[in-house]
Amino acid sequence: MLPAPDPEARADDLQMAFMATPATVREGLARMLTMAPLCHLSEDRRATAELVLAEVLNNVVEHAYADQAGPVLVSIGQTPQGLCCTVTDRGKAMPGGTVPEGRCPDPLERALEDLPEGGFGWHLIHSLTAELRYARVDDSNRLQFILS
């Protein structure tokens, strides 16, 4: 069962629900980029939105559902601050009930070959968004952020 529509969404907001798998995330993200409000962004802002949404949705696939398909709802709407994006899923809660810090390792602290592979997604998400908030409500995760 897919998550319920975002109760705060307006009629002109983009709302897309799908089962979170690697293939459907790619397909859903490609479709979202052709729809308002994302299709009206400049090329740079659309690329930033694509990067952030891809990181968030891939985290849902890899961590919230731990490689089993599960429902996800993406809501995106225009606000005076920028695009308000909400991603809701019914997977595992975030560890500690909070968004990971997303600290980028200092390359001066380690040799290039000793830097970890992966783990930079939350650093990107923190760097490219504003008002990043997470809540676990009943059996759902709700991640909300602003793309300015």
N, C-alpha and C. Protein backbone atom coordinates (compact mmCIF):
# COMPACT_ATOMS: atom_id res chain seq x y z
N MET A 1 0.84 -1.18 0.00
CA MET A 1 0.00 0.00 0.00
C MET A 1 0.89 1.24 0.00
N LEU A 2 0.61 2.18 -0.90
CA LEU A 2 1.39 3.40 -1.00
C LEU A 2 1.02 4.36 0.11
N PRO A 3 1.97 5.23 0.52
CA PRO A 3 1.65 6.23 1.54
C PRO A 3 0.51 7.13 1.07
N ALA A 4 -0.23 7.66 2.04
CA ALA A 4 -1.33 8.58 1.72
C ALA A 4 -0.75 9.86 1.13
N PRO A 5 -1.51 10.54 0.28
CA PRO A 5 -1.05 11.81 -0.27
C PRO A 5 -0.69 12.79 0.85
N ASP A 6 0.24 13.67 0.53
CA ASP A 6 0.69 14.68 1.49
C ASP A 6 -0.48 15.60 1.83
N PRO A 7 -0.89 15.66 3.11
CA PRO A 7 -2.04 16.49 3.48
C PRO A 7 -1.77 17.98 3.30
N GLU A 8 -0.49 18.38 3.25
CA GLU A 8 -0.15 19.79 3.09
C GLU A 8 -0.01 20.19 1.62
N ALA A 9 -0.13 19.23 0.71
CA ALA A 9 0.07 19.51 -0.71
C ALA A 9 -1.08 20.35 -1.27
N ARG A 10 -0.72 21.20 -2.24
CA ARG A 10 -1.72 22.01 -2.95
C ARG A 10 -2.04 21.32 -4.27
N ALA A 11 -3.11 21.74 -4.91
CA ALA A 11 -3.56 21.11 -6.15
C ALA A 11 -2.50 21.17 -7.25
N ASP A 12 -1.66 22.22 -7.28
CA ASP A 12 -0.66 22.33 -8.35
C ASP A 12 0.69 21.72 -7.98
N ASP A 13 0.79 21.05 -6.83
CA ASP A 13 2.02 20.38 -6.44
C ASP A 13 2.19 19.08 -7.22
N LEU A 14 3.43 18.71 -7.44
CA LEU A 14 3.73 17.42 -8.04
C LEU A 14 3.63 16.38 -6.93
N GLN A 15 2.89 15.32 -7.16
CA GLN A 15 2.83 14.20 -6.22
C GLN A 15 2.97 12.93 -7.03
N MET A 16 3.97 12.11 -6.66
CA MET A 16 4.19 10.87 -7.37
C MET A 16 4.46 9.76 -6.35
N ALA A 17 3.72 8.68 -6.49
CA ALA A 17 3.89 7.51 -5.63
C ALA A 17 4.33 6.33 -6.48
N PHE A 18 5.27 5.57 -5.96
CA PHE A 18 5.74 4.37 -6.67
C PHE A 18 6.40 3.44 -5.66
N MET A 19 6.64 2.22 -6.10
CA MET A 19 7.37 1.27 -5.27
C MET A 19 8.86 1.59 -5.41
N ALA A 20 9.56 1.69 -4.30
CA ALA A 20 10.96 2.10 -4.30
C ALA A 20 11.87 0.92 -4.62
N THR A 21 12.29 0.87 -5.86
CA THR A 21 13.31 -0.07 -6.32
C THR A 21 14.31 0.74 -7.13
N PRO A 22 15.50 0.24 -7.38
CA PRO A 22 16.44 1.04 -8.19
C PRO A 22 15.85 1.45 -9.54
N ALA A 23 15.16 0.54 -10.21
CA ALA A 23 14.61 0.87 -11.54
C ALA A 23 13.49 1.89 -11.45
N THR A 24 12.57 1.73 -10.49
CA THR A 24 11.45 2.67 -10.42
C THR A 24 11.89 4.04 -9.92
N VAL A 25 12.94 4.10 -9.11
CA VAL A 25 13.48 5.40 -8.70
C VAL A 25 14.01 6.13 -9.93
N ARG A 26 14.78 5.44 -10.77
CA ARG A 26 15.30 6.08 -11.99
C ARG A 26 14.16 6.55 -12.89
N GLU A 27 13.17 5.67 -13.09
CA GLU A 27 12.02 6.02 -13.95
C GLU A 27 11.21 7.17 -13.35
N GLY A 28 10.93 7.09 -12.05
CA GLY A 28 10.14 8.13 -11.40
C GLY A 28 10.84 9.47 -11.42
N LEU A 29 12.14 9.47 -11.16
CA LEU A 29 12.90 10.72 -11.18
C LEU A 29 12.92 11.31 -12.59
N ALA A 30 13.10 10.49 -13.59
CA ALA A 30 13.08 10.98 -14.98
C ALA A 30 11.73 11.61 -15.30
N ARG A 31 10.64 10.99 -14.86
CA ARG A 31 9.30 11.55 -15.10
C ARG A 31 9.11 12.86 -14.35
N MET A 32 9.55 12.89 -13.08
CA MET A 32 9.38 14.12 -12.28
C MET A 32 10.07 15.31 -12.93
N LEU A 33 11.24 15.08 -13.53
CA LEU A 33 11.99 16.17 -14.14
C LEU A 33 11.29 16.77 -15.36
N THR A 34 10.32 16.05 -15.91
CA THR A 34 9.57 16.56 -17.06
C THR A 34 8.27 17.24 -16.64
N MET A 35 7.99 17.24 -15.34
CA MET A 35 6.72 17.77 -14.82
C MET A 35 6.95 19.04 -14.02
N ALA A 36 5.91 19.88 -13.97
CA ALA A 36 5.97 21.08 -13.12
C ALA A 36 5.97 20.62 -11.66
N PRO A 37 6.70 21.29 -10.81
CA PRO A 37 7.46 22.52 -11.03
C PRO A 37 8.90 22.29 -11.50
N LEU A 38 9.39 21.04 -11.50
CA LEU A 38 10.79 20.80 -11.84
C LEU A 38 11.14 21.18 -13.27
N CYS A 39 10.24 20.96 -14.22
CA CYS A 39 10.56 21.26 -15.62
C CYS A 39 10.71 22.75 -15.87
N HIS A 40 10.24 23.60 -14.96
CA HIS A 40 10.34 25.05 -15.14
C HIS A 40 11.61 25.64 -14.53
N LEU A 41 12.43 24.80 -13.90
CA LEU A 41 13.66 25.29 -13.29
C LEU A 41 14.73 25.52 -14.34
N SER A 42 15.71 26.36 -13.99
CA SER A 42 16.87 26.53 -14.87
C SER A 42 17.62 25.19 -14.91
N GLU A 43 18.46 25.03 -15.89
CA GLU A 43 19.22 23.78 -16.03
C GLU A 43 20.02 23.47 -14.76
N ASP A 44 20.66 24.48 -14.18
CA ASP A 44 21.46 24.27 -12.96
C ASP A 44 20.59 23.85 -11.78
N ARG A 45 19.48 24.55 -11.59
CA ARG A 45 18.59 24.21 -10.47
C ARG A 45 17.94 22.84 -10.65
N ARG A 46 17.62 22.49 -11.89
CA ARG A 46 17.04 21.17 -12.17
C ARG A 46 18.09 20.08 -11.89
N ALA A 47 19.33 20.32 -12.24
CA ALA A 47 20.40 19.35 -11.97
C ALA A 47 20.60 19.17 -10.47
N THR A 48 20.52 20.26 -9.71
CA THR A 48 20.63 20.17 -8.25
C THR A 48 19.46 19.38 -7.68
N ALA A 49 18.25 19.68 -8.15
CA ALA A 49 17.07 18.93 -7.68
C ALA A 49 17.21 17.46 -8.01
N GLU A 50 17.68 17.15 -9.20
CA GLU A 50 17.85 15.75 -9.59
C GLU A 50 18.86 15.05 -8.68
N LEU A 51 19.97 15.70 -8.40
CA LEU A 51 21.01 15.11 -7.55
C LEU A 51 20.48 14.84 -6.15
N VAL A 52 19.82 15.83 -5.56
CA VAL A 52 19.30 15.67 -4.19
C VAL A 52 18.23 14.59 -4.14
N LEU A 53 17.27 14.65 -5.06
CA LEU A 53 16.20 13.66 -5.06
C LEU A 53 16.75 12.26 -5.31
N ALA A 54 17.73 12.12 -6.20
CA ALA A 54 18.33 10.81 -6.45
C ALA A 54 19.00 10.28 -5.18
N GLU A 55 19.74 11.12 -4.48
CA GLU A 55 20.40 10.69 -3.23
C GLU A 55 19.37 10.26 -2.19
N VAL A 56 18.34 11.08 -2.01
CA VAL A 56 17.31 10.76 -1.01
C VAL A 56 16.59 9.46 -1.37
N LEU A 57 16.15 9.34 -2.62
CA LEU A 57 15.40 8.16 -3.03
C LEU A 57 16.26 6.90 -3.03
N ASN A 58 17.52 7.02 -3.41
CA ASN A 58 18.40 5.86 -3.33
C ASN A 58 18.64 5.43 -1.89
N ASN A 59 18.70 6.40 -0.97
CA ASN A 59 18.80 6.05 0.45
C ASN A 59 17.57 5.29 0.92
N VAL A 60 16.40 5.69 0.44
CA VAL A 60 15.17 4.97 0.79
C VAL A 60 15.27 3.52 0.32
N VAL A 61 15.69 3.34 -0.93
CA VAL A 61 15.82 1.98 -1.50
C VAL A 61 16.82 1.16 -0.70
N GLU A 62 18.02 1.72 -0.49
CA GLU A 62 19.12 0.97 0.10
C GLU A 62 19.01 0.78 1.60
N HIS A 63 18.45 1.76 2.30
CA HIS A 63 18.48 1.69 3.77
C HIS A 63 17.10 1.52 4.39
N ALA A 64 16.13 2.31 3.98
CA ALA A 64 14.80 2.21 4.59
C ALA A 64 14.17 0.86 4.28
N TYR A 65 14.31 0.43 3.03
CA TYR A 65 13.71 -0.85 2.64
C TYR A 65 14.72 -1.97 2.54
N ALA A 66 15.99 -1.68 2.72
CA ALA A 66 17.04 -2.70 2.73
C ALA A 66 16.88 -3.71 1.59
N ASP A 67 16.83 -3.19 0.40
CA ASP A 67 16.80 -4.01 -0.83
C ASP A 67 15.53 -4.81 -1.03
N GLN A 68 14.44 -4.43 -0.40
CA GLN A 68 13.14 -5.01 -0.74
C GLN A 68 12.24 -3.86 -1.15
N ALA A 69 11.41 -4.08 -2.14
CA ALA A 69 10.57 -2.99 -2.65
C ALA A 69 9.62 -2.50 -1.57
N GLY A 70 9.39 -1.20 -1.57
CA GLY A 70 8.44 -0.60 -0.64
C GLY A 70 7.92 0.70 -1.20
N PRO A 71 6.80 1.17 -0.69
CA PRO A 71 6.18 2.38 -1.24
C PRO A 71 6.88 3.66 -0.83
N VAL A 72 6.87 4.63 -1.74
CA VAL A 72 7.42 5.96 -1.48
C VAL A 72 6.52 6.98 -2.17
N LEU A 73 6.35 8.11 -1.53
CA LEU A 73 5.58 9.22 -2.08
C LEU A 73 6.48 10.44 -2.11
N VAL A 74 6.55 11.10 -3.25
CA VAL A 74 7.32 12.34 -3.40
C VAL A 74 6.34 13.46 -3.69
N SER A 75 6.41 14.53 -2.90
CA SER A 75 5.58 15.73 -3.12
C SER A 75 6.52 16.91 -3.27
N ILE A 76 6.28 17.72 -4.30
CA ILE A 76 7.13 18.89 -4.56
C ILE A 76 6.22 20.06 -4.91
N GLY A 77 6.40 21.15 -4.18
CA GLY A 77 5.60 22.34 -4.44
C GLY A 77 6.41 23.61 -4.32
N GLN A 78 5.99 24.61 -5.04
CA GLN A 78 6.66 25.91 -5.02
C GLN A 78 6.22 26.70 -3.79
N THR A 79 7.18 27.28 -3.08
CA THR A 79 6.92 28.16 -1.95
C THR A 79 7.75 29.42 -2.14
N PRO A 80 7.52 30.46 -1.37
CA PRO A 80 8.35 31.66 -1.51
C PRO A 80 9.83 31.39 -1.23
N GLN A 81 10.14 30.37 -0.41
CA GLN A 81 11.53 30.04 -0.09
C GLN A 81 12.20 29.19 -1.18
N GLY A 82 11.42 28.56 -2.03
CA GLY A 82 11.95 27.66 -3.05
C GLY A 82 11.03 26.46 -3.19
N LEU A 83 11.55 25.37 -3.70
CA LEU A 83 10.74 24.16 -3.83
C LEU A 83 10.75 23.39 -2.52
N CYS A 84 9.57 23.12 -2.00
CA CYS A 84 9.44 22.31 -0.79
C CYS A 84 9.24 20.87 -1.24
N CYS A 85 10.15 20.00 -0.85
CA CYS A 85 10.11 18.59 -1.24
C CYS A 85 9.87 17.74 0.00
N THR A 86 8.96 16.79 -0.12
CA THR A 86 8.67 15.87 0.96
C THR A 86 8.72 14.46 0.39
N VAL A 87 9.49 13.61 1.05
CA VAL A 87 9.60 12.21 0.65
C VAL A 87 9.12 11.38 1.84
N THR A 88 8.11 10.55 1.59
CA THR A 88 7.51 9.73 2.64
C THR A 88 7.64 8.26 2.26
N ASP A 89 8.08 7.46 3.21
CA ASP A 89 8.17 6.01 2.98
C ASP A 89 7.78 5.28 4.25
N ARG A 90 7.59 3.98 4.14
CA ARG A 90 7.21 3.15 5.29
C ARG A 90 8.29 2.14 5.65
N GLY A 91 9.52 2.50 5.34
CA GLY A 91 10.64 1.62 5.64
C GLY A 91 11.14 1.80 7.07
N LYS A 92 12.34 1.28 7.31
CA LYS A 92 12.97 1.40 8.63
C LYS A 92 13.21 2.86 8.97
N ALA A 93 13.11 3.17 10.24
CA ALA A 93 13.38 4.54 10.72
C ALA A 93 14.87 4.86 10.58
N MET A 94 15.18 6.13 10.52
CA MET A 94 16.57 6.55 10.49
C MET A 94 17.21 6.22 11.84
N PRO A 95 18.46 5.77 11.83
CA PRO A 95 19.14 5.46 13.10
C PRO A 95 19.14 6.68 14.02
N GLY A 96 18.74 6.45 15.25
CA GLY A 96 18.69 7.54 16.22
C GLY A 96 17.56 8.50 16.01
N GLY A 97 16.70 8.24 15.02
CA GLY A 97 15.56 9.10 14.76
C GLY A 97 15.92 10.47 14.21
N THR A 98 17.13 10.59 13.64
CA THR A 98 17.56 11.87 13.10
C THR A 98 18.23 11.68 11.74
N VAL A 99 18.32 12.76 11.00
CA VAL A 99 19.02 12.75 9.72
C VAL A 99 20.51 12.58 10.00
N PRO A 100 21.19 11.71 9.26
CA PRO A 100 22.64 11.58 9.44
C PRO A 100 23.34 12.92 9.24
N GLU A 101 24.44 13.09 9.97
CA GLU A 101 25.17 14.35 9.93
C GLU A 101 25.68 14.69 8.54
N GLY A 102 26.20 13.73 7.83
CA GLY A 102 26.69 13.98 6.48
C GLY A 102 28.00 14.73 6.44
N ARG A 103 28.89 14.40 7.34
CA ARG A 103 30.20 15.07 7.38
C ARG A 103 31.07 14.53 6.25
N CYS A 104 31.64 15.42 5.50
CA CYS A 104 32.54 15.05 4.41
C CYS A 104 33.94 14.89 5.00
N PRO A 105 34.57 13.72 4.80
CA PRO A 105 35.91 13.55 5.35
C PRO A 105 36.89 14.55 4.75
N ASP A 106 37.79 15.04 5.56
CA ASP A 106 38.81 15.97 5.11
C ASP A 106 39.87 15.18 4.35
N PRO A 107 40.06 15.48 3.06
CA PRO A 107 41.05 14.72 2.29
C PRO A 107 42.47 14.91 2.81
N LEU A 108 42.69 15.96 3.62
CA LEU A 108 44.02 16.16 4.18
C LEU A 108 44.28 15.23 5.37
N GLU A 109 43.19 14.65 5.93
CA GLU A 109 43.34 13.74 7.06
C GLU A 109 43.72 12.33 6.61
N ARG A 110 43.44 11.98 5.34
CA ARG A 110 43.68 10.64 4.83
C ARG A 110 44.24 10.71 3.42
N ALA A 111 44.93 9.64 3.06
CA ALA A 111 45.38 9.52 1.68
C ALA A 111 44.17 9.26 0.80
N LEU A 112 44.22 9.67 -0.45
CA LEU A 112 43.11 9.50 -1.37
C LEU A 112 42.63 8.06 -1.42
N GLU A 113 43.55 7.11 -1.45
CA GLU A 113 43.16 5.69 -1.53
C GLU A 113 42.52 5.19 -0.24
N ASP A 114 42.64 5.93 0.87
CA ASP A 114 42.03 5.53 2.14
C ASP A 114 40.67 6.17 2.39
N LEU A 115 40.25 7.08 1.50
CA LEU A 115 38.93 7.69 1.66
C LEU A 115 37.86 6.63 1.44
N PRO A 116 36.78 6.65 2.24
CA PRO A 116 35.74 5.64 2.07
C PRO A 116 34.99 5.81 0.76
N GLU A 117 34.49 4.70 0.24
CA GLU A 117 33.64 4.77 -0.95
C GLU A 117 32.22 4.95 -0.46
N GLY A 118 31.51 5.89 -1.04
CA GLY A 118 30.14 6.16 -0.60
C GLY A 118 30.12 6.95 0.69
N GLY A 119 28.89 7.18 1.18
CA GLY A 119 28.73 7.90 2.43
C GLY A 119 28.76 9.41 2.28
N PHE A 120 28.87 9.90 1.07
CA PHE A 120 28.92 11.35 0.86
C PHE A 120 27.55 11.92 0.54
N GLY A 121 26.56 11.06 0.35
CA GLY A 121 25.23 11.50 -0.04
C GLY A 121 24.60 12.47 0.94
N TRP A 122 24.69 12.17 2.23
CA TRP A 122 24.09 13.08 3.22
C TRP A 122 24.83 14.41 3.28
N HIS A 123 26.13 14.40 3.01
CA HIS A 123 26.86 15.66 2.93
C HIS A 123 26.31 16.50 1.78
N LEU A 124 26.09 15.88 0.64
CA LEU A 124 25.51 16.60 -0.50
C LEU A 124 24.11 17.12 -0.18
N ILE A 125 23.30 16.27 0.42
CA ILE A 125 21.92 16.66 0.75
C ILE A 125 21.93 17.86 1.69
N HIS A 126 22.74 17.80 2.74
CA HIS A 126 22.84 18.93 3.68
C HIS A 126 23.33 20.19 2.97
N SER A 127 24.30 20.03 2.08
CA SER A 127 24.92 21.19 1.42
C SER A 127 23.99 21.86 0.41
N LEU A 128 23.10 21.10 -0.20
CA LEU A 128 22.29 21.62 -1.30
C LEU A 128 20.85 21.94 -0.93
N THR A 129 20.49 21.74 0.34
CA THR A 129 19.12 22.00 0.77
C THR A 129 19.09 22.95 1.96
N ALA A 130 17.91 23.41 2.28
CA ALA A 130 17.67 24.22 3.47
C ALA A 130 16.51 23.58 4.23
N GLU A 131 16.43 23.88 5.50
CA GLU A 131 15.33 23.42 6.35
C GLU A 131 15.11 21.90 6.26
N LEU A 132 16.19 21.16 6.29
CA LEU A 132 16.13 19.70 6.23
C LEU A 132 15.57 19.17 7.54
N ARG A 133 14.44 18.46 7.44
CA ARG A 133 13.76 17.94 8.64
C ARG A 133 13.35 16.49 8.41
N TYR A 134 13.42 15.72 9.47
CA TYR A 134 12.99 14.32 9.43
C TYR A 134 12.06 14.06 10.61
N ALA A 135 11.03 13.27 10.36
CA ALA A 135 10.14 12.84 11.44
C ALA A 135 9.68 11.42 11.15
N ARG A 136 9.55 10.64 12.19
CA ARG A 136 8.96 9.31 12.10
C ARG A 136 7.58 9.45 12.70
N VAL A 137 6.56 9.27 11.89
CA VAL A 137 5.18 9.40 12.34
C VAL A 137 4.49 8.07 12.11
N ASP A 138 4.06 7.45 13.22
CA ASP A 138 3.47 6.12 13.17
C ASP A 138 4.45 5.17 12.47
N ASP A 139 4.08 4.65 11.32
CA ASP A 139 4.96 3.71 10.63
C ASP A 139 5.61 4.32 9.39
N SER A 140 5.68 5.64 9.33
CA SER A 140 6.22 6.30 8.14
C SER A 140 7.37 7.24 8.46
N ASN A 141 8.31 7.32 7.53
CA ASN A 141 9.38 8.30 7.57
C ASN A 141 8.96 9.47 6.69
N ARG A 142 9.24 10.68 7.17
CA ARG A 142 8.91 11.88 6.39
C ARG A 142 10.13 12.79 6.40
N LEU A 143 10.74 12.94 5.24
CA LEU A 143 11.90 13.81 5.06
C LEU A 143 11.44 15.01 4.25
N GLN A 144 11.70 16.20 4.79
CA GLN A 144 11.28 17.42 4.09
C GLN A 144 12.45 18.38 4.00
N PHE A 145 12.54 19.07 2.86
CA PHE A 145 13.62 20.03 2.65
C PHE A 145 13.22 21.04 1.59
N ILE A 146 13.97 22.13 1.56
CA ILE A 146 13.74 23.20 0.59
C ILE A 146 14.92 23.22 -0.38
N LEU A 147 14.60 23.28 -1.66
CA LEU A 147 15.60 23.52 -2.70
C LEU A 147 15.40 24.96 -3.15
N SER A 148 16.38 25.82 -2.85
CA SER A 148 16.22 27.24 -3.18
C SER A 148 16.80 27.57 -4.54
